[in-house]
Amino acid sequence: MLSNFNEWTVGSVFYSTLVTAEAFGKSDTARIVDLNSPSPFTPAYAIYERGTVSKFALFNFIDDPSGANNVNAAITISGGGVPGSVRVK
């Protein structure tokens, strides 16, 4: 796509492709399940690899001029233990 300055720009499809590739990972066994978030502004997905939950993808599209953009998420996995650490990207 060309910008107003006749230079190439990166469109929104490029960024979503990066996020999707990161979520799927390299195992070639990943499956993504929509967690049916109650708000369209905070979609949430579970990523399963080889039938086991391996990651969660949580998005925050809230844009409030007052700055009230925080989202708290509680994730419970039946039969699962608490991980030693969590990585946020």
N, C-alpha and C. Protein backbone atom coordinates (compact mmCIF):
# COMPACT_ATOMS: atom_id res chain seq x y z
N MET A 1 0.85 -1.15 0.00
CA MET A 1 0.00 0.00 0.00
C MET A 1 0.91 1.23 0.00
N LEU A 2 0.53 2.25 -0.73
CA LEU A 2 1.30 3.49 -0.77
C LEU A 2 0.67 4.52 0.16
N SER A 3 1.51 5.22 0.88
CA SER A 3 1.01 6.26 1.77
C SER A 3 0.80 7.54 0.99
N ASN A 4 0.39 8.59 1.69
CA ASN A 4 0.21 9.90 1.05
C ASN A 4 1.51 10.46 0.51
N PHE A 5 2.62 9.96 1.03
CA PHE A 5 3.93 10.45 0.61
C PHE A 5 4.55 9.55 -0.43
N ASN A 6 3.75 8.67 -1.04
CA ASN A 6 4.23 7.74 -2.06
C ASN A 6 5.36 6.86 -1.55
N GLU A 7 5.25 6.43 -0.30
CA GLU A 7 6.20 5.48 0.28
C GLU A 7 5.42 4.25 0.74
N TRP A 8 6.11 3.14 0.81
CA TRP A 8 5.46 1.92 1.27
C TRP A 8 5.21 1.99 2.76
N THR A 9 4.08 1.48 3.18
CA THR A 9 3.76 1.41 4.60
C THR A 9 3.31 0.00 4.94
N VAL A 10 3.34 -0.32 6.20
CA VAL A 10 2.88 -1.63 6.67
C VAL A 10 1.45 -1.48 7.15
N GLY A 11 0.56 -2.30 6.62
CA GLY A 11 -0.84 -2.23 7.01
C GLY A 11 -1.15 -3.06 8.22
N SER A 12 -2.38 -2.95 8.70
CA SER A 12 -2.79 -3.64 9.92
C SER A 12 -2.76 -5.16 9.78
N VAL A 13 -2.92 -5.67 8.57
CA VAL A 13 -2.89 -7.12 8.37
C VAL A 13 -1.53 -7.68 8.76
N PHE A 14 -0.47 -6.94 8.51
CA PHE A 14 0.88 -7.39 8.86
C PHE A 14 1.01 -7.61 10.37
N TYR A 15 0.52 -6.68 11.16
CA TYR A 15 0.65 -6.79 12.62
C TYR A 15 -0.16 -7.96 13.16
N SER A 16 -1.36 -8.17 12.65
CA SER A 16 -2.16 -9.29 13.13
C SER A 16 -1.52 -10.62 12.74
N THR A 17 -0.83 -10.67 11.62
CA THR A 17 -0.13 -11.88 11.22
C THR A 17 1.00 -12.21 12.18
N LEU A 18 1.71 -11.19 12.65
CA LEU A 18 2.78 -11.41 13.62
C LEU A 18 2.23 -11.97 14.93
N VAL A 19 1.13 -11.40 15.40
CA VAL A 19 0.52 -11.87 16.65
C VAL A 19 0.04 -13.31 16.49
N THR A 20 -0.60 -13.61 15.38
CA THR A 20 -1.10 -14.97 15.15
C THR A 20 0.04 -15.97 15.07
N ALA A 21 1.10 -15.62 14.37
CA ALA A 21 2.26 -16.52 14.26
C ALA A 21 2.88 -16.78 15.62
N GLU A 22 2.98 -15.76 16.44
CA GLU A 22 3.54 -15.92 17.79
C GLU A 22 2.64 -16.81 18.64
N ALA A 23 1.35 -16.65 18.52
CA ALA A 23 0.41 -17.46 19.31
C ALA A 23 0.45 -18.92 18.88
N PHE A 24 0.47 -19.17 17.58
CA PHE A 24 0.51 -20.55 17.10
C PHE A 24 1.82 -21.23 17.44
N GLY A 25 2.92 -20.52 17.41
CA GLY A 25 4.21 -21.12 17.73
C GLY A 25 4.74 -21.99 16.61
N LYS A 26 5.76 -22.78 16.94
CA LYS A 26 6.47 -23.57 15.93
C LYS A 26 6.15 -25.06 15.98
N SER A 27 5.28 -25.49 16.87
CA SER A 27 5.06 -26.93 17.06
C SER A 27 4.28 -27.59 15.92
N ASP A 28 3.55 -26.81 15.15
CA ASP A 28 2.69 -27.31 14.07
C ASP A 28 1.57 -28.20 14.61
N THR A 29 1.24 -28.05 15.91
CA THR A 29 0.15 -28.82 16.50
C THR A 29 -0.85 -27.90 17.20
N ALA A 30 -0.66 -26.60 17.11
CA ALA A 30 -1.46 -25.64 17.87
C ALA A 30 -2.88 -25.52 17.33
N ARG A 31 -3.81 -25.39 18.27
CA ARG A 31 -5.22 -25.13 17.97
C ARG A 31 -5.66 -23.97 18.84
N ILE A 32 -6.39 -23.02 18.26
CA ILE A 32 -6.82 -21.85 19.02
C ILE A 32 -8.32 -21.96 19.29
N VAL A 33 -8.69 -21.71 20.56
CA VAL A 33 -10.09 -21.78 20.98
C VAL A 33 -10.50 -20.42 21.53
N ASP A 34 -11.61 -19.88 21.01
CA ASP A 34 -12.16 -18.62 21.50
C ASP A 34 -12.77 -18.86 22.88
N LEU A 35 -12.37 -18.06 23.87
CA LEU A 35 -12.89 -18.21 25.23
C LEU A 35 -14.17 -17.43 25.48
N ASN A 36 -14.74 -16.85 24.43
CA ASN A 36 -16.01 -16.14 24.52
C ASN A 36 -16.03 -15.08 25.61
N SER A 37 -15.12 -14.15 25.50
CA SER A 37 -15.05 -13.04 26.45
C SER A 37 -16.36 -12.27 26.43
N PRO A 38 -16.80 -11.77 27.58
CA PRO A 38 -18.08 -11.04 27.62
C PRO A 38 -18.04 -9.69 26.91
N SER A 39 -16.86 -9.18 26.60
CA SER A 39 -16.75 -7.88 25.94
C SER A 39 -16.03 -8.02 24.60
N PRO A 40 -16.54 -7.36 23.56
CA PRO A 40 -15.85 -7.40 22.27
C PRO A 40 -14.52 -6.64 22.30
N PHE A 41 -14.29 -5.86 23.34
CA PHE A 41 -13.05 -5.08 23.45
C PHE A 41 -11.93 -5.84 24.15
N THR A 42 -12.24 -7.02 24.68
CA THR A 42 -11.22 -7.81 25.39
C THR A 42 -11.31 -9.29 24.98
N PRO A 43 -11.06 -9.60 23.70
CA PRO A 43 -11.13 -11.00 23.28
C PRO A 43 -10.04 -11.83 23.97
N ALA A 44 -10.33 -13.11 24.18
CA ALA A 44 -9.40 -14.01 24.84
C ALA A 44 -9.42 -15.36 24.13
N TYR A 45 -8.25 -15.96 23.98
CA TYR A 45 -8.11 -17.22 23.28
C TYR A 45 -7.18 -18.15 24.06
N ALA A 46 -7.46 -19.45 24.02
CA ALA A 46 -6.57 -20.46 24.59
C ALA A 46 -5.90 -21.17 23.42
N ILE A 47 -4.61 -21.41 23.55
CA ILE A 47 -3.86 -22.12 22.52
C ILE A 47 -3.49 -23.48 23.08
N TYR A 48 -3.95 -24.52 22.41
CA TYR A 48 -3.66 -25.89 22.79
C TYR A 48 -2.59 -26.45 21.87
N GLU A 49 -1.64 -27.16 22.45
CA GLU A 49 -0.64 -27.89 21.67
C GLU A 49 -0.65 -29.33 22.13
N ARG A 50 -0.85 -30.22 21.17
CA ARG A 50 -0.95 -31.66 21.46
C ARG A 50 -2.03 -31.94 22.51
N GLY A 51 -3.13 -31.19 22.45
CA GLY A 51 -4.26 -31.42 23.33
C GLY A 51 -4.16 -30.82 24.72
N THR A 52 -3.10 -30.06 24.99
CA THR A 52 -2.89 -29.45 26.30
C THR A 52 -2.77 -27.94 26.15
N VAL A 53 -3.38 -27.19 27.07
CA VAL A 53 -3.26 -25.74 27.01
C VAL A 53 -1.80 -25.35 27.17
N SER A 54 -1.30 -24.55 26.23
CA SER A 54 0.10 -24.11 26.32
C SER A 54 0.22 -22.61 26.48
N LYS A 55 -0.78 -21.85 25.99
CA LYS A 55 -0.71 -20.39 26.05
C LYS A 55 -2.12 -19.82 26.07
N PHE A 56 -2.18 -18.57 26.49
CA PHE A 56 -3.39 -17.77 26.37
C PHE A 56 -3.04 -16.50 25.63
N ALA A 57 -3.92 -16.04 24.77
CA ALA A 57 -3.74 -14.76 24.09
C ALA A 57 -4.89 -13.86 24.55
N LEU A 58 -4.56 -12.82 25.29
CA LEU A 58 -5.55 -11.88 25.81
C LEU A 58 -5.29 -10.52 25.18
N PHE A 59 -6.33 -9.89 24.69
CA PHE A 59 -6.18 -8.60 24.01
C PHE A 59 -7.01 -7.55 24.73
N ASN A 60 -6.52 -6.33 24.72
CA ASN A 60 -7.21 -5.20 25.35
C ASN A 60 -7.35 -4.09 24.31
N PHE A 61 -8.54 -3.95 23.76
CA PHE A 61 -8.82 -2.91 22.78
C PHE A 61 -9.60 -1.75 23.39
N ILE A 62 -9.63 -1.66 24.72
CA ILE A 62 -10.35 -0.59 25.39
C ILE A 62 -9.60 0.72 25.18
N ASP A 63 -10.30 1.71 24.71
CA ASP A 63 -9.72 3.04 24.49
C ASP A 63 -10.61 4.06 25.18
N ASP A 64 -10.30 4.32 26.42
CA ASP A 64 -11.10 5.24 27.23
C ASP A 64 -10.31 6.52 27.46
N PRO A 65 -10.84 7.68 27.06
CA PRO A 65 -10.11 8.94 27.23
C PRO A 65 -9.75 9.25 28.68
N SER A 66 -10.48 8.66 29.63
CA SER A 66 -10.19 8.93 31.04
C SER A 66 -8.97 8.15 31.52
N GLY A 67 -8.52 7.19 30.71
CA GLY A 67 -7.37 6.37 31.11
C GLY A 67 -7.77 5.07 31.78
N ALA A 68 -9.07 4.81 31.87
CA ALA A 68 -9.55 3.57 32.49
C ALA A 68 -9.48 2.44 31.46
N ASN A 69 -8.27 1.99 31.18
CA ASN A 69 -8.06 0.98 30.14
C ASN A 69 -7.61 -0.37 30.68
N ASN A 70 -7.51 -0.52 31.99
CA ASN A 70 -7.00 -1.75 32.58
C ASN A 70 -8.01 -2.89 32.48
N VAL A 71 -7.48 -4.09 32.33
CA VAL A 71 -8.31 -5.30 32.30
C VAL A 71 -7.68 -6.30 33.26
N ASN A 72 -8.48 -6.89 34.12
CA ASN A 72 -8.03 -7.96 35.01
C ASN A 72 -8.59 -9.27 34.49
N ALA A 73 -7.73 -10.28 34.39
CA ALA A 73 -8.16 -11.59 33.91
C ALA A 73 -7.80 -12.65 34.92
N ALA A 74 -8.73 -13.53 35.21
CA ALA A 74 -8.49 -14.68 36.08
C ALA A 74 -8.66 -15.94 35.24
N ILE A 75 -7.62 -16.74 35.16
CA ILE A 75 -7.64 -17.95 34.33
C ILE A 75 -7.49 -19.16 35.25
N THR A 76 -8.43 -20.08 35.13
CA THR A 76 -8.38 -21.31 35.91
C THR A 76 -8.34 -22.50 34.97
N ILE A 77 -7.42 -23.41 35.22
CA ILE A 77 -7.30 -24.62 34.41
C ILE A 77 -7.60 -25.81 35.31
N SER A 78 -8.65 -26.55 34.99
CA SER A 78 -9.01 -27.72 35.79
C SER A 78 -7.89 -28.74 35.77
N GLY A 79 -7.48 -29.19 36.95
CA GLY A 79 -6.43 -30.20 37.03
C GLY A 79 -5.04 -29.67 36.77
N GLY A 80 -4.93 -28.37 36.56
CA GLY A 80 -3.62 -27.79 36.27
C GLY A 80 -3.03 -27.12 37.49
N GLY A 81 -1.73 -27.11 37.55
CA GLY A 81 -1.05 -26.44 38.65
C GLY A 81 -0.79 -24.99 38.31
N VAL A 82 -0.29 -24.28 39.27
CA VAL A 82 0.06 -22.88 39.08
C VAL A 82 1.46 -22.82 38.45
N PRO A 83 1.61 -22.10 37.34
CA PRO A 83 2.94 -22.04 36.73
C PRO A 83 3.90 -21.24 37.62
N GLY A 84 5.18 -21.57 37.50
CA GLY A 84 6.19 -20.86 38.27
C GLY A 84 6.39 -19.43 37.83
N SER A 85 6.07 -19.14 36.56
CA SER A 85 6.21 -17.77 36.05
C SER A 85 5.23 -17.57 34.89
N VAL A 86 5.01 -16.31 34.59
CA VAL A 86 4.14 -15.93 33.47
C VAL A 86 4.89 -14.91 32.65
N ARG A 87 4.86 -15.05 31.34
CA ARG A 87 5.54 -14.12 30.44
C ARG A 87 4.48 -13.31 29.69
N VAL A 88 4.60 -12.01 29.73
CA VAL A 88 3.67 -11.11 29.05
C VAL A 88 4.41 -10.47 27.89
N LYS A 89 3.82 -10.53 26.71
CA LYS A 89 4.44 -9.92 25.53
C LYS A 89 3.64 -8.73 25.11
